[in-house]
Amino acid sequence: MRVGIVILPEDRWWAAEPKWRAAEEYGFDHAWTYDHLGWRSLVDGPWFSAVPTLTAAAMVTSRIRLGTFVASPNFRHPVPFTREITTLDDLSDGRFVLGVGSGGGGYDVEVFGRRELSARQRADRFAEFVEALDGLLRTDGFDYSGEHYTAHGARNLPGPVQRPRPPFLIAANGPRGMKLATRFGDGWVTNGKPADSQDGWWRSVRELKERFEAGLAEAGRDPAGVHRYLSLDSAPVFSLSSVDAFAEAAGRAGELGFTDVVAHWPRSEPPYCGHESVLEQVADELLPTLRER
């Protein structure tokens, strides 16, 4: 099992840089940051952009994979975003992973004064977003025509370091998103469904995973070729609240067939309130054993 860590883009670089360096030194397999203009209860506090943050992280690391967790169509167009993805892939020497999701409501929509899209409209837009990005990253001089996005002869030279393109990690819980993940995803990520109890959350995770596996079979894809990620911290209990909590969460994820789990760097206050000493202990005691499984 591989383990990743999310570092929220809320600290000035003098404070954030040691975390990104430590994520690699601790032995995490991948490190991520949120791609929002502002996020939930933290919208009134400091917040930085994902792409420059990952660029800086690429400059101070050499092994760990880096990615967006996750980018969305809320404020991105596939054509300029392709250039940013290609640049990140180049600067990281092929370590970039593109995490993408459909995008919800909240500040990322409200700040533009837009009306919130329906679930169906978001799904339509997300499908176009992923299809266009896939074509733009693979093909120089790419044309695309959709309801939400258009591209005419879009150039992509020199193209990504990773061929044919960086891996896509597609976040999806609904049937249309999962179908998109089975078609384009090198990986699929879920955060389960909201629940009042740990057992209720894990039941939702099991159901979603079984649904995704059925979709892979229907699409004729080998399950071994698609990584399955679980974002642990949508559960009622923060995964890094204790070493035992993380061990239990990672163990249950492994039993369900997830190849990767992702936790969040502990903060001094909610969300993800915890102690960095727990993170250090998990890295020291648990990461080596998880990698051996």
Protein backbone atom coordinates (compact mmCIF):
# COMPACT_ATOMS: atom_id res chain seq x y z
CA MET A 1 0.00 0.00 0.00
CA ARG A 2 1.15 3.52 -0.84
CA VAL A 3 0.50 6.45 1.50
CA GLY A 4 0.10 10.12 0.62
CA ILE A 5 -0.17 13.35 2.56
CA VAL A 6 -2.11 16.55 1.80
CA ILE A 7 -0.46 19.85 2.71
CA LEU A 8 -2.99 22.68 2.59
CA PRO A 9 -1.70 25.78 0.74
CA GLU A 10 -2.20 28.11 3.68
CA ASP A 11 1.31 28.87 4.93
CA ARG A 12 3.86 31.31 3.60
CA TRP A 13 6.62 29.42 1.85
CA TRP A 14 9.14 29.78 4.68
CA ALA A 15 6.71 27.70 6.79
CA ALA A 16 5.42 25.41 4.03
CA GLU A 17 8.76 24.38 2.55
CA PRO A 18 9.86 22.26 5.54
CA LYS A 19 6.62 20.28 5.32
CA TRP A 20 7.14 19.40 1.66
CA ARG A 21 10.75 18.41 2.33
CA ALA A 22 9.67 16.37 5.34
CA ALA A 23 6.94 14.57 3.37
CA GLU A 24 9.66 13.12 1.16
CA GLU A 25 12.09 12.48 4.01
CA TYR A 26 9.39 10.69 6.03
CA GLY A 27 8.86 8.27 3.14
CA PHE A 28 5.42 9.25 1.88
CA ASP A 29 4.79 8.07 -1.67
CA HIS A 30 2.86 11.12 -2.82
CA ALA A 31 2.11 14.64 -1.56
CA TRP A 32 -0.83 16.81 -2.57
CA THR A 33 -2.37 20.21 -2.16
CA TYR A 34 -5.89 21.53 -2.63
CA ASP A 35 -6.68 23.45 -5.81
CA HIS A 36 -9.20 26.09 -4.71
CA LEU A 37 -9.49 29.85 -4.64
CA GLY A 38 -10.75 29.48 -1.09
CA TRP A 39 -12.03 26.50 0.85
CA ARG A 40 -14.91 26.12 3.30
CA SER A 41 -14.22 27.44 6.81
CA LEU A 42 -10.71 28.53 5.78
CA VAL A 43 -11.91 30.99 3.15
CA ASP A 44 -11.39 33.94 5.54
CA GLY A 45 -7.78 33.00 6.22
CA PRO A 46 -4.54 32.82 4.21
CA TRP A 47 -4.59 30.72 1.06
CA PHE A 48 -2.17 30.25 -1.83
CA SER A 49 -2.46 28.90 -5.38
CA ALA A 50 -1.90 25.21 -6.06
CA VAL A 51 0.22 25.39 -9.22
CA PRO A 52 2.94 27.74 -7.87
CA THR A 53 2.94 25.77 -4.61
CA LEU A 54 3.53 22.49 -6.43
CA THR A 55 6.18 24.16 -8.59
CA ALA A 56 8.06 25.22 -5.47
CA ALA A 57 7.57 21.77 -3.94
CA ALA A 58 9.07 20.19 -7.06
CA MET A 59 12.18 22.32 -6.58
CA VAL A 60 12.81 21.09 -3.02
CA THR A 61 12.05 17.38 -3.55
CA SER A 62 13.39 14.71 -5.89
CA ARG A 63 11.48 11.47 -5.41
CA ILE A 64 7.97 11.97 -4.08
CA ARG A 65 5.09 12.27 -6.54
CA LEU A 66 3.21 15.58 -6.40
CA GLY A 67 -0.36 16.39 -7.35
CA THR A 68 -3.58 18.38 -7.13
CA PHE A 69 -6.18 17.01 -4.74
CA VAL A 70 -8.15 17.94 -6.77
CA ALA A 71 -8.35 20.45 -9.64
CA SER A 72 -11.82 21.25 -10.97
CA PRO A 73 -13.51 23.09 -13.84
CA ASN A 74 -14.85 25.75 -11.46
CA PHE A 75 -12.19 28.25 -12.44
CA ARG A 76 -9.99 26.43 -14.95
CA HIS A 77 -10.06 26.13 -18.74
CA PRO A 78 -8.36 23.06 -20.23
CA VAL A 79 -6.18 24.98 -22.71
CA PRO A 80 -4.15 27.17 -20.30
CA PHE A 81 -4.30 24.46 -17.65
CA THR A 82 -2.60 22.06 -20.09
CA ARG A 83 0.36 24.42 -20.25
CA GLU A 84 0.56 24.50 -16.46
CA ILE A 85 0.34 20.71 -16.21
CA THR A 86 3.06 20.28 -18.83
CA THR A 87 5.28 22.76 -16.98
CA LEU A 88 4.74 21.04 -13.63
CA ASP A 89 5.49 17.66 -15.18
CA ASP A 90 8.71 19.05 -16.64
CA LEU A 91 9.85 20.81 -13.46
CA SER A 92 9.19 17.71 -11.37
CA ASP A 93 10.92 15.45 -13.91
CA GLY A 94 7.78 13.39 -14.46
CA ARG A 95 6.51 13.23 -10.88
CA PHE A 96 3.24 15.12 -11.35
CA VAL A 97 -0.17 13.46 -10.90
CA LEU A 98 -3.28 15.32 -12.03
CA GLY A 99 -6.08 14.86 -9.52
CA VAL A 100 -9.36 16.16 -10.96
CA GLY A 101 -12.92 16.42 -9.70
CA SER A 102 -16.21 17.86 -10.90
CA GLY A 103 -16.18 20.86 -8.55
CA GLY A 104 -18.94 21.80 -6.15
CA GLY A 105 -20.34 25.06 -4.89
CA GLY A 106 -18.94 27.46 -2.33
CA TYR A 107 -16.44 30.27 -2.71
CA ASP A 108 -14.91 29.00 -5.98
CA VAL A 109 -18.27 29.66 -7.63
CA GLU A 110 -19.62 32.52 -5.54
CA VAL A 111 -16.59 34.76 -6.05
CA PHE A 112 -17.40 34.96 -9.77
CA GLY A 113 -21.03 35.85 -9.11
CA ARG A 114 -22.17 32.80 -11.02
CA ARG A 115 -25.23 30.72 -10.39
CA GLU A 116 -24.49 27.27 -9.06
CA LEU A 117 -24.80 24.50 -11.64
CA SER A 118 -27.05 21.51 -11.14
CA ALA A 119 -25.48 18.11 -10.49
CA ARG A 120 -26.18 17.12 -14.09
CA GLN A 121 -24.61 20.29 -15.46
CA ARG A 122 -21.51 19.79 -13.32
CA ALA A 123 -21.24 16.21 -14.58
CA ASP A 124 -21.54 17.38 -18.20
CA ARG A 125 -18.88 20.03 -17.68
CA PHE A 126 -16.59 17.59 -15.87
CA ALA A 127 -16.80 15.08 -18.73
CA GLU A 128 -15.77 17.78 -21.20
CA PHE A 129 -13.00 18.97 -18.91
CA VAL A 130 -11.43 15.52 -18.64
CA GLU A 131 -11.91 14.66 -22.32
CA ALA A 132 -10.35 17.94 -23.41
CA LEU A 133 -7.39 17.66 -21.02
CA ASP A 134 -6.72 14.12 -22.20
CA GLY A 135 -6.65 15.18 -25.84
CA LEU A 136 -4.70 18.38 -25.23
CA LEU A 137 -1.97 16.60 -23.29
CA ARG A 138 -1.64 13.82 -25.85
CA THR A 139 -1.94 15.74 -29.12
CA ASP A 140 -0.29 18.83 -30.55
CA GLY A 141 -2.65 20.98 -32.61
CA PHE A 142 -5.70 19.58 -30.82
CA ASP A 143 -9.28 20.61 -31.67
CA TYR A 144 -12.17 20.28 -29.27
CA SER A 145 -15.74 21.50 -29.43
CA GLY A 146 -18.17 21.13 -26.56
CA GLU A 147 -20.88 23.04 -24.78
CA HIS A 148 -18.50 24.26 -22.09
CA TYR A 149 -15.05 24.21 -23.73
CA THR A 150 -13.62 24.82 -27.19
CA ALA A 151 -10.08 24.55 -28.52
CA HIS A 152 -8.81 25.27 -32.05
CA GLY A 153 -5.41 23.93 -33.01
CA ALA A 154 -4.17 24.06 -29.41
CA ARG A 155 -0.41 23.53 -29.24
CA ASN A 156 1.21 21.45 -26.51
CA LEU A 157 4.90 21.29 -27.46
CA PRO A 158 7.17 20.01 -26.06
CA GLY A 159 4.54 17.81 -24.43
CA PRO A 160 4.74 16.18 -21.00
CA VAL A 161 7.73 14.27 -19.71
CA GLN A 162 5.43 11.36 -18.85
CA ARG A 163 4.06 9.73 -21.99
CA PRO A 164 1.48 9.82 -23.29
CA ARG A 165 0.52 12.21 -20.47
CA PRO A 166 0.71 12.52 -16.67
CA PRO A 167 -1.56 10.09 -14.83
CA PHE A 168 -5.12 11.19 -14.12
CA LEU A 169 -6.54 10.57 -10.64
CA ILE A 170 -10.29 11.06 -11.00
CA ALA A 171 -12.43 11.82 -7.95
CA ALA A 172 -15.90 10.34 -8.30
CA ASN A 173 -18.73 8.96 -6.20
CA GLY A 174 -21.58 9.12 -8.70
CA PRO A 175 -22.21 6.83 -11.67
CA ARG A 176 -21.21 9.31 -14.37
CA GLY A 177 -18.02 10.30 -12.60
CA MET A 178 -17.10 6.68 -12.03
CA LYS A 179 -17.69 5.91 -15.69
CA LEU A 180 -15.35 8.77 -16.54
CA ALA A 181 -12.78 7.32 -14.15
CA THR A 182 -13.01 3.87 -15.74
CA ARG A 183 -12.46 5.43 -19.15
CA PHE A 184 -9.72 8.00 -18.48
CA GLY A 185 -8.46 7.34 -14.97
CA ASP A 186 -5.09 5.90 -14.13
CA GLY A 187 -6.48 6.08 -10.63
CA TRP A 188 -9.78 6.65 -8.86
CA VAL A 189 -10.23 8.45 -5.56
CA THR A 190 -13.19 8.54 -3.21
CA ASN A 191 -13.82 10.25 0.12
CA GLY A 192 -16.81 8.05 0.94
CA LYS A 193 -20.14 9.58 1.83
CA PRO A 194 -21.02 11.76 4.83
CA ALA A 195 -21.83 9.63 7.88
CA ASP A 196 -22.36 10.08 11.61
CA SER A 197 -20.27 7.07 12.57
CA GLN A 198 -17.06 5.39 11.49
CA ASP A 199 -18.89 2.17 10.67
CA GLY A 200 -21.42 4.06 8.56
CA TRP A 201 -18.64 5.80 6.65
CA TRP A 202 -16.78 2.57 6.02
CA ARG A 203 -19.98 0.96 4.74
CA SER A 204 -20.31 3.78 2.20
CA VAL A 205 -16.67 3.31 1.17
CA ARG A 206 -17.22 -0.40 0.62
CA GLU A 207 -20.32 0.25 -1.49
CA LEU A 208 -18.55 2.85 -3.63
CA LYS A 209 -15.54 0.64 -4.15
CA GLU A 210 -17.69 -2.30 -5.21
CA ARG A 211 -19.56 -0.04 -7.61
CA PHE A 212 -16.30 1.15 -9.11
CA GLU A 213 -14.98 -2.39 -9.49
CA ALA A 214 -18.18 -3.33 -11.32
CA GLY A 215 -17.64 -0.34 -13.62
CA LEU A 216 -14.10 -1.47 -14.39
CA ALA A 217 -15.36 -4.94 -15.29
CA GLU A 218 -18.07 -3.47 -17.51
CA ALA A 219 -15.49 -1.29 -19.28
CA GLY A 220 -13.20 -4.28 -19.76
CA ARG A 221 -10.33 -2.72 -17.82
CA ASP A 222 -7.91 -4.74 -15.74
CA PRO A 223 -8.36 -3.66 -12.09
CA ALA A 224 -4.63 -4.10 -11.57
CA GLY A 225 -4.04 -1.24 -13.98
CA VAL A 226 -6.12 1.31 -12.05
CA HIS A 227 -5.00 2.53 -8.63
CA ARG A 228 -7.72 3.00 -6.03
CA TYR A 229 -7.20 5.86 -3.58
CA LEU A 230 -9.10 6.54 -0.37
CA SER A 231 -9.12 9.97 1.25
CA LEU A 232 -9.20 8.90 4.89
CA ASP A 233 -10.10 12.21 6.50
CA SER A 234 -13.67 12.53 5.32
CA ALA A 235 -14.46 9.99 8.03
CA PRO A 236 -15.82 11.24 11.39
CA VAL A 237 -12.43 10.46 13.01
CA PHE A 238 -9.29 12.21 11.75
CA SER A 239 -6.89 9.49 10.60
CA LEU A 240 -3.87 11.12 12.27
CA SER A 241 -5.60 11.74 15.59
CA SER A 242 -3.48 8.84 16.88
CA VAL A 243 -1.15 6.15 15.59
CA ASP A 244 -3.78 3.50 16.33
CA ALA A 245 -6.42 5.46 14.38
CA PHE A 246 -4.18 5.59 11.32
CA ALA A 247 -3.20 1.95 11.59
CA GLU A 248 -6.85 0.91 11.78
CA ALA A 249 -7.87 3.14 8.85
CA ALA A 250 -5.02 1.97 6.62
CA GLY A 251 -5.72 -1.64 7.54
CA ARG A 252 -9.41 -1.40 6.70
CA ALA A 253 -8.61 0.34 3.42
CA GLY A 254 -6.20 -2.43 2.50
CA GLU A 255 -8.78 -5.09 3.28
CA LEU A 256 -11.18 -3.35 0.89
CA GLY A 257 -8.61 -3.44 -1.89
CA PHE A 258 -7.45 0.18 -1.93
CA THR A 259 -3.93 0.57 -3.26
CA ASP A 260 -3.36 4.05 -1.81
CA VAL A 261 -4.55 6.05 1.18
CA VAL A 262 -4.25 9.80 1.68
CA ALA A 263 -4.20 11.68 5.00
CA HIS A 264 -3.84 15.39 5.85
CA TRP A 265 -0.96 17.12 7.56
CA PRO A 266 -2.19 17.86 11.10
CA ARG A 267 -3.23 21.43 11.88
CA SER A 268 -3.43 23.25 15.21
CA GLU A 269 -7.19 23.71 14.82
CA PRO A 270 -10.05 22.18 12.80
CA PRO A 271 -10.23 20.89 10.19
CA TYR A 272 -7.66 18.11 10.55
CA CYS A 273 -6.75 19.11 14.07
CA GLY A 274 -3.91 17.00 15.46
CA HIS A 275 -0.27 16.82 16.44
CA GLU A 276 2.71 16.55 14.12
CA SER A 277 4.26 14.11 16.59
CA VAL A 278 1.63 11.57 15.52
CA LEU A 279 2.55 12.14 11.87
CA GLU A 280 6.21 11.57 12.71
CA GLN A 281 5.43 8.38 14.61
CA VAL A 282 3.27 7.05 11.79
CA ALA A 283 6.05 7.76 9.31
CA ASP A 284 8.62 6.05 11.51
CA GLU A 285 6.62 3.01 12.63
CA LEU A 286 3.88 2.35 10.10
CA LEU A 287 4.96 3.49 6.64
CA PRO A 288 7.67 0.84 6.27
CA THR A 289 5.29 -1.96 7.26
CA LEU A 290 2.51 -0.74 4.94
CA ARG A 291 4.91 -0.68 2.02
CA GLU A 292 5.82 -4.30 2.64
CA ARG A 293 2.21 -5.52 2.39
